[in-house]
Amino acid sequence: MTAVQTALKLWVKMTLVDGTIHEQERDFLNYMLQTYAPEKDLDALIEAVRDIDLATLTSQVDAYADRFFIAMNALAIAHCDETYSPEERRLFQKLLVAFEITDEDAALLAATVADQHSATPRNPAARVEALFAESSFYRDH
């Protein structure tokens, strides 16, 4: 399984954790599917992911840049409905631990996601851009 395929499954896991996939989360997932896997069906992916263990998915991603980007978007998905539930918070913390995201990078991705929701978002930090450029998600990679 590629990092992108795993990411899509982990992002779906984040939307399922609180028991409801909100419209904003569905929109976010559809956007990610259109961007990275237009041949995939969201409802089929949701059903496929329900019984997959988090550890099974996180063990599929080796590159730190991929792990960072997956974690950042998992947090973004958790916030896109304007509610960061306790279940989402716990899953996100497990993701940070499983992916061995440094404290500094965890703070950076949290700040990046918070900034995306601000009235005047800034350009991402150089570290975020560098990690994205190293990742499997970078289109020109």
N, C-alpha and C. Protein backbone atom coordinates (compact mmCIF):
# COMPACT_ATOMS: atom_id res chain seq x y z
N MET A 1 0.85 -1.17 0.00
CA MET A 1 0.00 0.00 0.00
C MET A 1 0.90 1.24 0.00
N THR A 2 0.59 2.20 -0.86
CA THR A 2 1.39 3.42 -0.93
C THR A 2 1.05 4.35 0.23
N ALA A 3 1.90 5.35 0.44
CA ALA A 3 1.64 6.33 1.49
C ALA A 3 0.34 7.08 1.23
N VAL A 4 0.05 7.37 -0.02
CA VAL A 4 -1.18 8.09 -0.36
C VAL A 4 -2.40 7.23 -0.06
N GLN A 5 -2.36 5.96 -0.42
CA GLN A 5 -3.48 5.05 -0.11
C GLN A 5 -3.69 4.94 1.39
N THR A 6 -2.60 4.83 2.13
CA THR A 6 -2.69 4.75 3.58
C THR A 6 -3.23 6.04 4.16
N ALA A 7 -2.77 7.16 3.63
CA ALA A 7 -3.25 8.47 4.10
C ALA A 7 -4.76 8.58 3.96
N LEU A 8 -5.26 8.21 2.82
CA LEU A 8 -6.71 8.31 2.60
C LEU A 8 -7.46 7.48 3.64
N LYS A 9 -6.94 6.30 3.94
CA LYS A 9 -7.59 5.45 4.94
C LYS A 9 -7.49 6.05 6.34
N LEU A 10 -6.35 6.62 6.66
CA LEU A 10 -6.20 7.25 7.98
C LEU A 10 -7.09 8.48 8.11
N TRP A 11 -7.22 9.24 7.04
CA TRP A 11 -8.10 10.42 7.10
C TRP A 11 -9.55 9.99 7.28
N VAL A 12 -9.94 8.90 6.63
CA VAL A 12 -11.29 8.37 6.84
C VAL A 12 -11.45 7.93 8.29
N LYS A 13 -10.43 7.26 8.85
CA LYS A 13 -10.48 6.84 10.26
C LYS A 13 -10.76 8.04 11.17
N MET A 14 -10.12 9.16 10.88
CA MET A 14 -10.31 10.35 11.70
C MET A 14 -11.77 10.80 11.65
N THR A 15 -12.40 10.71 10.48
CA THR A 15 -13.79 11.15 10.39
C THR A 15 -14.75 10.18 11.06
N LEU A 16 -14.37 8.93 11.17
CA LEU A 16 -15.24 7.91 11.76
C LEU A 16 -15.17 7.86 13.28
N VAL A 17 -14.10 8.36 13.86
CA VAL A 17 -13.81 8.13 15.27
C VAL A 17 -14.88 8.67 16.22
N ASP A 18 -15.54 9.76 15.87
CA ASP A 18 -16.56 10.30 16.77
C ASP A 18 -17.97 9.82 16.44
N GLY A 19 -18.07 8.88 15.49
CA GLY A 19 -19.36 8.27 15.19
C GLY A 19 -20.16 8.93 14.09
N THR A 20 -19.75 10.10 13.65
CA THR A 20 -20.48 10.82 12.62
C THR A 20 -19.52 11.43 11.61
N ILE A 21 -19.77 11.18 10.33
CA ILE A 21 -19.01 11.88 9.30
C ILE A 21 -19.82 13.11 8.92
N HIS A 22 -19.32 14.26 9.33
CA HIS A 22 -20.01 15.52 9.08
C HIS A 22 -19.84 15.93 7.61
N GLU A 23 -20.73 16.76 7.15
CA GLU A 23 -20.71 17.20 5.75
C GLU A 23 -19.36 17.82 5.37
N GLN A 24 -18.80 18.63 6.26
CA GLN A 24 -17.51 19.28 5.97
C GLN A 24 -16.40 18.23 5.86
N GLU A 25 -16.46 17.21 6.70
CA GLU A 25 -15.46 16.13 6.64
C GLU A 25 -15.60 15.35 5.34
N ARG A 26 -16.84 15.08 4.95
CA ARG A 26 -17.09 14.38 3.69
C ARG A 26 -16.55 15.21 2.51
N ASP A 27 -16.79 16.50 2.54
CA ASP A 27 -16.29 17.38 1.49
C ASP A 27 -14.76 17.35 1.43
N PHE A 28 -14.13 17.40 2.61
CA PHE A 28 -12.67 17.35 2.69
C PHE A 28 -12.15 16.04 2.09
N LEU A 29 -12.77 14.93 2.48
CA LEU A 29 -12.36 13.62 1.97
C LEU A 29 -12.57 13.52 0.46
N ASN A 30 -13.68 14.03 -0.02
CA ASN A 30 -13.93 14.01 -1.48
C ASN A 30 -12.88 14.82 -2.22
N TYR A 31 -12.50 15.96 -1.65
CA TYR A 31 -11.44 16.77 -2.27
C TYR A 31 -10.13 15.98 -2.32
N MET A 32 -9.78 15.33 -1.21
CA MET A 32 -8.54 14.55 -1.18
C MET A 32 -8.60 13.37 -2.16
N LEU A 33 -9.75 12.74 -2.25
CA LEU A 33 -9.91 11.65 -3.22
C LEU A 33 -9.75 12.16 -4.65
N GLN A 34 -10.38 13.27 -4.96
CA GLN A 34 -10.26 13.84 -6.30
C GLN A 34 -8.82 14.21 -6.62
N THR A 35 -8.11 14.67 -5.61
CA THR A 35 -6.72 15.09 -5.81
C THR A 35 -5.77 13.90 -5.96
N TYR A 36 -5.93 12.89 -5.10
CA TYR A 36 -4.94 11.81 -5.02
C TYR A 36 -5.41 10.46 -5.53
N ALA A 37 -6.70 10.23 -5.64
CA ALA A 37 -7.19 8.92 -6.08
C ALA A 37 -8.58 9.07 -6.69
N PRO A 38 -8.67 9.76 -7.84
CA PRO A 38 -9.99 10.03 -8.42
C PRO A 38 -10.79 8.78 -8.78
N GLU A 39 -10.10 7.65 -8.89
CA GLU A 39 -10.79 6.40 -9.23
C GLU A 39 -11.48 5.76 -8.03
N LYS A 40 -11.21 6.26 -6.82
CA LYS A 40 -11.76 5.68 -5.59
C LYS A 40 -13.15 6.24 -5.29
N ASP A 41 -13.97 5.41 -4.66
CA ASP A 41 -15.30 5.80 -4.22
C ASP A 41 -15.27 6.00 -2.71
N LEU A 42 -15.73 7.14 -2.25
CA LEU A 42 -15.65 7.46 -0.83
C LEU A 42 -16.43 6.48 0.03
N ASP A 43 -17.64 6.16 -0.35
CA ASP A 43 -18.45 5.26 0.48
C ASP A 43 -17.81 3.88 0.58
N ALA A 44 -17.23 3.39 -0.51
CA ALA A 44 -16.54 2.09 -0.48
C ALA A 44 -15.31 2.17 0.43
N LEU A 45 -14.61 3.29 0.36
CA LEU A 45 -13.43 3.47 1.21
C LEU A 45 -13.82 3.52 2.69
N ILE A 46 -14.90 4.19 3.00
CA ILE A 46 -15.38 4.26 4.38
C ILE A 46 -15.68 2.86 4.91
N GLU A 47 -16.37 2.08 4.13
CA GLU A 47 -16.70 0.71 4.56
C GLU A 47 -15.45 -0.14 4.71
N ALA A 48 -14.50 0.03 3.82
CA ALA A 48 -13.27 -0.76 3.86
C ALA A 48 -12.41 -0.43 5.09
N VAL A 49 -12.52 0.77 5.58
CA VAL A 49 -11.65 1.25 6.66
C VAL A 49 -12.21 0.95 8.05
N ARG A 50 -13.48 0.80 8.17
CA ARG A 50 -14.12 0.66 9.48
C ARG A 50 -13.42 -0.32 10.42
N ASP A 51 -13.00 -1.46 9.93
CA ASP A 51 -12.45 -2.50 10.80
C ASP A 51 -10.93 -2.62 10.74
N ILE A 52 -10.27 -1.67 10.09
CA ILE A 52 -8.81 -1.71 10.02
C ILE A 52 -8.23 -1.04 11.27
N ASP A 53 -7.32 -1.71 11.91
CA ASP A 53 -6.66 -1.20 13.11
C ASP A 53 -5.72 -0.05 12.75
N LEU A 54 -5.66 0.95 13.62
CA LEU A 54 -4.78 2.10 13.41
C LEU A 54 -3.33 1.67 13.23
N ALA A 55 -2.86 0.76 14.05
CA ALA A 55 -1.46 0.31 13.97
C ALA A 55 -1.15 -0.34 12.62
N THR A 56 -2.12 -1.04 12.07
CA THR A 56 -1.92 -1.65 10.75
C THR A 56 -1.67 -0.58 9.71
N LEU A 57 -2.40 0.51 9.80
CA LEU A 57 -2.24 1.59 8.84
C LEU A 57 -0.96 2.39 9.07
N THR A 58 -0.71 2.77 10.30
CA THR A 58 0.47 3.61 10.57
C THR A 58 1.77 2.88 10.26
N SER A 59 1.77 1.57 10.39
CA SER A 59 2.99 0.80 10.09
C SER A 59 3.32 0.78 8.60
N GLN A 60 2.40 1.22 7.78
CA GLN A 60 2.60 1.22 6.32
C GLN A 60 3.38 2.44 5.82
N VAL A 61 3.60 3.43 6.69
CA VAL A 61 4.19 4.70 6.24
C VAL A 61 5.57 4.85 6.87
N ASP A 62 6.59 4.84 6.02
CA ASP A 62 7.97 4.91 6.51
C ASP A 62 8.55 6.33 6.52
N ALA A 63 8.28 7.09 5.50
CA ALA A 63 8.93 8.40 5.34
C ALA A 63 8.35 9.43 6.32
N TYR A 64 9.23 10.11 7.03
CA TYR A 64 8.79 11.11 8.00
C TYR A 64 7.96 12.20 7.33
N ALA A 65 8.37 12.64 6.14
CA ALA A 65 7.62 13.70 5.45
C ALA A 65 6.18 13.25 5.17
N ASP A 66 6.00 12.00 4.78
CA ASP A 66 4.65 11.48 4.55
C ASP A 66 3.87 11.44 5.86
N ARG A 67 4.51 10.99 6.92
CA ARG A 67 3.84 10.91 8.22
C ARG A 67 3.41 12.29 8.69
N PHE A 68 4.27 13.28 8.52
CA PHE A 68 3.95 14.65 8.91
C PHE A 68 2.73 15.15 8.14
N PHE A 69 2.74 14.98 6.83
CA PHE A 69 1.65 15.47 6.00
C PHE A 69 0.34 14.75 6.33
N ILE A 70 0.41 13.46 6.56
CA ILE A 70 -0.79 12.69 6.94
C ILE A 70 -1.34 13.22 8.26
N ALA A 71 -0.46 13.41 9.24
CA ALA A 71 -0.90 13.92 10.55
C ALA A 71 -1.49 15.32 10.43
N MET A 72 -0.86 16.18 9.64
CA MET A 72 -1.36 17.54 9.51
C MET A 72 -2.77 17.53 8.91
N ASN A 73 -2.99 16.73 7.91
CA ASN A 73 -4.31 16.68 7.29
C ASN A 73 -5.33 15.95 8.16
N ALA A 74 -4.88 15.00 8.97
CA ALA A 74 -5.79 14.37 9.93
C ALA A 74 -6.30 15.41 10.92
N LEU A 75 -5.41 16.28 11.37
CA LEU A 75 -5.82 17.34 12.28
C LEU A 75 -6.74 18.33 11.57
N ALA A 76 -6.43 18.65 10.33
CA ALA A 76 -7.28 19.57 9.57
C ALA A 76 -8.69 18.99 9.41
N ILE A 77 -8.77 17.70 9.12
CA ILE A 77 -10.08 17.05 8.99
C ILE A 77 -10.83 17.10 10.31
N ALA A 78 -10.12 16.85 11.40
CA ALA A 78 -10.75 16.87 12.72
C ALA A 78 -11.32 18.25 13.05
N HIS A 79 -10.73 19.29 12.51
CA HIS A 79 -11.18 20.66 12.79
C HIS A 79 -12.14 21.21 11.74
N CYS A 80 -12.29 20.56 10.61
CA CYS A 80 -13.04 21.20 9.52
C CYS A 80 -14.53 21.36 9.82
N ASP A 81 -15.06 20.60 10.78
CA ASP A 81 -16.47 20.77 11.15
C ASP A 81 -16.62 21.70 12.35
N GLU A 82 -15.52 22.38 12.70
CA GLU A 82 -15.48 23.33 13.82
C GLU A 82 -15.64 22.68 15.18
N THR A 83 -15.58 21.36 15.24
CA THR A 83 -15.66 20.64 16.51
C THR A 83 -14.50 19.65 16.57
N TYR A 84 -13.67 19.77 17.58
CA TYR A 84 -12.54 18.86 17.78
C TYR A 84 -12.93 17.99 18.97
N SER A 85 -13.53 16.85 18.67
CA SER A 85 -14.09 16.00 19.72
C SER A 85 -12.99 15.31 20.54
N PRO A 86 -13.33 14.87 21.74
CA PRO A 86 -12.35 14.12 22.55
C PRO A 86 -11.85 12.85 21.81
N GLU A 87 -12.73 12.21 21.07
CA GLU A 87 -12.32 11.02 20.32
C GLU A 87 -11.31 11.38 19.22
N GLU A 88 -11.54 12.49 18.54
CA GLU A 88 -10.60 12.95 17.52
C GLU A 88 -9.27 13.33 18.16
N ARG A 89 -9.34 13.99 19.29
CA ARG A 89 -8.12 14.39 20.01
C ARG A 89 -7.29 13.16 20.39
N ARG A 90 -7.95 12.12 20.92
CA ARG A 90 -7.23 10.90 21.31
C ARG A 90 -6.62 10.19 20.10
N LEU A 91 -7.38 10.10 19.01
CA LEU A 91 -6.86 9.45 17.81
C LEU A 91 -5.68 10.23 17.25
N PHE A 92 -5.78 11.55 17.26
CA PHE A 92 -4.69 12.36 16.76
C PHE A 92 -3.44 12.16 17.61
N GLN A 93 -3.57 12.11 18.92
CA GLN A 93 -2.41 11.88 19.79
C GLN A 93 -1.79 10.51 19.50
N LYS A 94 -2.61 9.51 19.28
CA LYS A 94 -2.10 8.18 18.93
C LYS A 94 -1.35 8.23 17.61
N LEU A 95 -1.86 8.99 16.67
CA LEU A 95 -1.21 9.14 15.38
C LEU A 95 0.16 9.81 15.53
N LEU A 96 0.23 10.86 16.35
CA LEU A 96 1.51 11.53 16.58
C LEU A 96 2.54 10.58 17.17
N VAL A 97 2.11 9.77 18.11
CA VAL A 97 3.02 8.81 18.76
C VAL A 97 3.44 7.73 17.76
N ALA A 98 2.48 7.15 17.07
CA ALA A 98 2.79 6.08 16.11
C ALA A 98 3.73 6.56 15.01
N PHE A 99 3.54 7.79 14.58
CA PHE A 99 4.36 8.36 13.51
C PHE A 99 5.65 8.99 14.02
N GLU A 100 5.84 9.00 15.34
CA GLU A 100 7.03 9.59 15.96
C GLU A 100 7.26 11.03 15.49
N ILE A 101 6.18 11.80 15.48
CA ILE A 101 6.26 13.22 15.12
C ILE A 101 6.90 13.95 16.30
N THR A 102 7.93 14.72 16.03
CA THR A 102 8.61 15.44 17.10
C THR A 102 7.67 16.47 17.73
N ASP A 103 7.95 16.85 18.97
CA ASP A 103 7.13 17.86 19.64
C ASP A 103 7.14 19.17 18.86
N GLU A 104 8.30 19.53 18.33
CA GLU A 104 8.43 20.76 17.56
C GLU A 104 7.56 20.70 16.30
N ASP A 105 7.59 19.57 15.61
CA ASP A 105 6.78 19.44 14.40
C ASP A 105 5.29 19.32 14.73
N ALA A 106 4.96 18.70 15.85
CA ALA A 106 3.55 18.63 16.27
C ALA A 106 3.01 20.04 16.51
N ALA A 107 3.81 20.88 17.14
CA ALA A 107 3.40 22.27 17.37
C ALA A 107 3.29 23.01 16.04
N LEU A 108 4.21 22.74 15.13
CA LEU A 108 4.18 23.40 13.83
C LEU A 108 2.94 23.00 13.03
N LEU A 109 2.61 21.72 13.02
CA LEU A 109 1.44 21.32 12.24
C LEU A 109 0.16 21.82 12.88
N ALA A 110 0.12 21.89 14.21
CA ALA A 110 -1.06 22.44 14.89
C ALA A 110 -1.21 23.93 14.55
N ALA A 111 -0.12 24.66 14.55
CA ALA A 111 -0.15 26.09 14.21
C ALA A 111 -0.56 26.28 12.74
N THR A 112 -0.08 25.41 11.88
CA THR A 112 -0.41 25.50 10.46
C THR A 112 -1.90 25.28 10.24
N VAL A 113 -2.46 24.26 10.89
CA VAL A 113 -3.89 23.98 10.76
C VAL A 113 -4.71 25.12 11.35
N ALA A 114 -4.31 25.63 12.51
CA ALA A 114 -5.03 26.75 13.11
C ALA A 114 -5.00 27.96 12.19
N ASP A 115 -3.87 28.20 11.57
CA ASP A 115 -3.74 29.35 10.67
C ASP A 115 -4.64 29.20 9.44
N GLN A 116 -4.81 27.97 8.97
CA GLN A 116 -5.68 27.73 7.81
C GLN A 116 -7.12 28.14 8.10
N HIS A 117 -7.50 28.10 9.37
CA HIS A 117 -8.86 28.44 9.76
C HIS A 117 -8.99 29.92 10.16
N SER A 118 -7.91 30.68 10.06
CA SER A 118 -7.97 32.09 10.45
C SER A 118 -8.54 32.93 9.31
N ALA A 119 -8.90 34.14 9.64
CA ALA A 119 -9.47 35.05 8.64
C ALA A 119 -8.45 35.42 7.56
N THR A 120 -7.18 35.48 7.96
CA THR A 120 -6.13 35.82 7.00
C THR A 120 -5.00 34.81 7.09
N PRO A 121 -5.18 33.64 6.46
CA PRO A 121 -4.14 32.62 6.53
C PRO A 121 -2.83 33.10 5.90
N ARG A 122 -1.74 32.68 6.51
CA ARG A 122 -0.42 33.02 6.00
C ARG A 122 0.10 31.87 5.16
N ASN A 123 1.18 32.12 4.45
CA ASN A 123 1.84 31.04 3.72
C ASN A 123 2.41 30.05 4.73
N PRO A 124 2.47 28.78 4.37
CA PRO A 124 3.03 27.78 5.30
C PRO A 124 4.49 28.09 5.63
N ALA A 125 4.90 27.65 6.79
CA ALA A 125 6.29 27.82 7.22
C ALA A 125 7.22 27.06 6.26
N ALA A 126 8.44 27.50 6.20
CA ALA A 126 9.42 26.87 5.31
C ALA A 126 9.56 25.38 5.61
N ARG A 127 9.52 25.00 6.87
CA ARG A 127 9.63 23.58 7.24
C ARG A 127 8.46 22.78 6.68
N VAL A 128 7.25 23.32 6.72
CA VAL A 128 6.08 22.63 6.17
C VAL A 128 6.26 22.46 4.67
N GLU A 129 6.68 23.50 4.00
CA GLU A 129 6.90 23.42 2.55
C GLU A 129 7.99 22.42 2.21
N ALA A 130 9.06 22.39 3.00
CA ALA A 130 10.15 21.45 2.74
C ALA A 130 9.70 20.01 2.93
N LEU A 131 8.95 19.75 4.00
CA LEU A 131 8.45 18.39 4.23
C LEU A 131 7.47 17.98 3.13
N PHE A 132 6.63 18.90 2.70
CA PHE A 132 5.70 18.59 1.63
C PHE A 132 6.47 18.24 0.35
N ALA A 133 7.50 19.01 0.04
CA ALA A 133 8.29 18.76 -1.16
C ALA A 133 8.99 17.39 -1.12
N GLU A 134 9.30 16.91 0.08
CA GLU A 134 9.93 15.59 0.24
C GLU A 134 8.91 14.45 0.22
N SER A 135 7.65 14.78 0.35
CA SER A 135 6.63 13.76 0.55
C SER A 135 6.15 13.12 -0.76
N SER A 136 5.44 12.01 -0.60
CA SER A 136 4.82 11.32 -1.73
C SER A 136 3.65 12.11 -2.30
N PHE A 137 3.23 13.17 -1.61
CA PHE A 137 2.06 13.93 -2.00
C PHE A 137 2.41 15.08 -2.94
N TYR A 138 3.66 15.36 -3.08
CA TYR A 138 4.10 16.46 -3.91
C TYR A 138 4.01 16.04 -5.37
N ARG A 139 3.18 16.70 -6.12
CA ARG A 139 2.89 16.30 -7.50
C ARG A 139 4.12 16.30 -8.41
N ASP A 140 5.05 17.20 -8.22
CA ASP A 140 6.21 17.30 -9.10
C ASP A 140 7.42 16.53 -8.58
N HIS A 141 7.19 15.70 -7.58
CA HIS A 141 8.26 14.95 -6.92
C HIS A 141 8.88 13.94 -7.87
